[in-house]
Protein backbone atom coordinates (compact mmCIF):
# COMPACT_ATOMS: atom_id res chain seq x y z
CA MET A 1 -110.84 -220.07 8.63
CA THR A 2 -107.80 -219.64 10.80
CA ARG A 3 -106.21 -216.44 12.10
CA TYR A 4 -102.53 -215.91 11.34
CA ARG A 5 -100.13 -213.11 12.19
CA PHE A 6 -97.94 -211.73 9.41
CA HIS A 7 -94.79 -210.24 10.96
CA CYS A 8 -92.15 -208.55 8.80
CA THR A 9 -88.47 -208.68 9.75
CA ASN A 10 -84.95 -208.35 8.45
CA GLY A 11 -83.52 -210.10 11.51
CA SER A 12 -82.95 -206.93 13.52
CA GLU A 13 -86.02 -204.76 12.84
CA CYS A 14 -89.63 -205.90 13.01
CA ILE A 15 -93.06 -204.81 11.93
CA LEU A 16 -95.38 -206.78 14.19
CA ASP A 17 -98.91 -207.83 13.29
CA ALA A 18 -100.76 -207.76 16.61
CA GLU A 19 -104.23 -208.34 15.16
CA GLY A 20 -103.65 -211.01 12.53
CA THR A 21 -105.77 -211.93 9.53
CA LEU A 22 -108.26 -214.71 8.94
CA VAL A 23 -107.06 -216.97 6.12
CA ARG A 24 -109.25 -219.62 4.50
CA ASN A 25 -106.55 -222.20 3.67
CA SER A 26 -102.81 -222.71 3.42
CA ASP A 27 -102.77 -221.83 -0.29
CA ALA A 28 -103.82 -218.30 0.66
CA LEU A 29 -100.93 -217.84 3.13
CA GLY A 30 -98.40 -217.09 0.40
CA ARG A 31 -100.71 -214.65 -1.38
CA ARG A 32 -101.46 -212.80 1.85
CA ALA A 33 -97.77 -212.75 2.84
CA ARG A 34 -96.84 -211.22 -0.53
CA ALA A 35 -99.57 -208.59 -0.13
CA VAL A 36 -98.26 -207.74 3.37
CA ALA A 37 -94.71 -207.37 2.02
CA GLU A 38 -95.86 -205.11 -0.82
CA ALA A 39 -97.89 -202.95 1.57
CA ALA A 40 -94.92 -202.58 3.92
CA MET A 41 -92.59 -201.55 1.09
CA ARG A 42 -95.09 -199.05 -0.30
CA SER A 43 -95.81 -197.61 3.13
CA LEU A 44 -92.19 -197.23 4.20
CA GLY A 45 -90.78 -196.24 0.81
CA ALA A 46 -87.54 -196.93 -0.96
CA GLY A 47 -84.82 -198.86 0.78
CA ASP A 48 -82.95 -202.11 0.79
CA TRP A 49 -85.58 -204.80 1.26
CA THR A 50 -83.39 -207.75 0.22
CA GLU A 51 -83.03 -209.12 3.76
CA TRP A 52 -86.69 -208.66 4.69
CA ARG A 53 -89.23 -211.47 4.91
CA VAL A 54 -92.77 -212.05 6.14
CA SER A 55 -92.84 -214.59 8.96
CA VAL A 56 -96.33 -216.06 9.31
CA HIS A 57 -97.37 -217.48 12.69
CA ASP A 58 -100.48 -219.21 13.96
CA LEU A 59 -102.04 -217.98 17.19
CA THR A 60 -99.93 -220.40 19.27
CA GLY A 61 -96.81 -218.62 17.95
CA ARG A 62 -95.73 -221.49 15.70
CA ARG A 63 -94.14 -220.26 12.45
CA VAL A 64 -95.97 -221.80 9.50
CA TRP A 65 -94.67 -219.84 6.50
CA ILE A 66 -91.80 -217.58 5.45
CA GLU A 67 -92.09 -215.36 2.38
CA PRO A 68 -89.18 -213.18 1.22
CA PHE A 69 -89.89 -209.64 0.10
CA VAL A 70 -89.72 -209.39 -3.70
CA THR A 71 -88.78 -206.00 -5.05
CA GLN A 72 -88.12 -206.31 -8.79
CA ASP A 73 -91.79 -206.10 -9.84
CA LEU A 74 -92.82 -203.46 -7.32
CA PRO A 75 -93.03 -199.88 -8.64
CA THR A 76 -91.27 -197.25 -6.59
CA ARG A 77 -93.38 -195.08 -4.33
CA GLU A 78 -92.52 -192.04 -6.47
CA ALA A 79 -93.70 -193.82 -9.64
CA ALA A 80 -96.94 -194.87 -7.94
CA LEU A 81 -97.59 -191.30 -6.81
CA ALA A 82 -96.86 -189.91 -10.28
CA ALA A 83 -99.34 -192.29 -11.94
């Protein structure tokens, strides 16, 4: 397993992942990146997420994956709280 950092950015703002996450293989990078994006959107609430992406880096700082935030299938925070 390899440790990767999953940073979120829109090009001017950042949510940095200082700890990173152990990932078993490269197929799991996309799944983990999507989970990170969903958690960020739920945590921070409604907003314009269209420019945001998860930038995945290995521990040397080399970018190995980019995953855009996807918002159409994500329930709003208010809907999640009402459920």
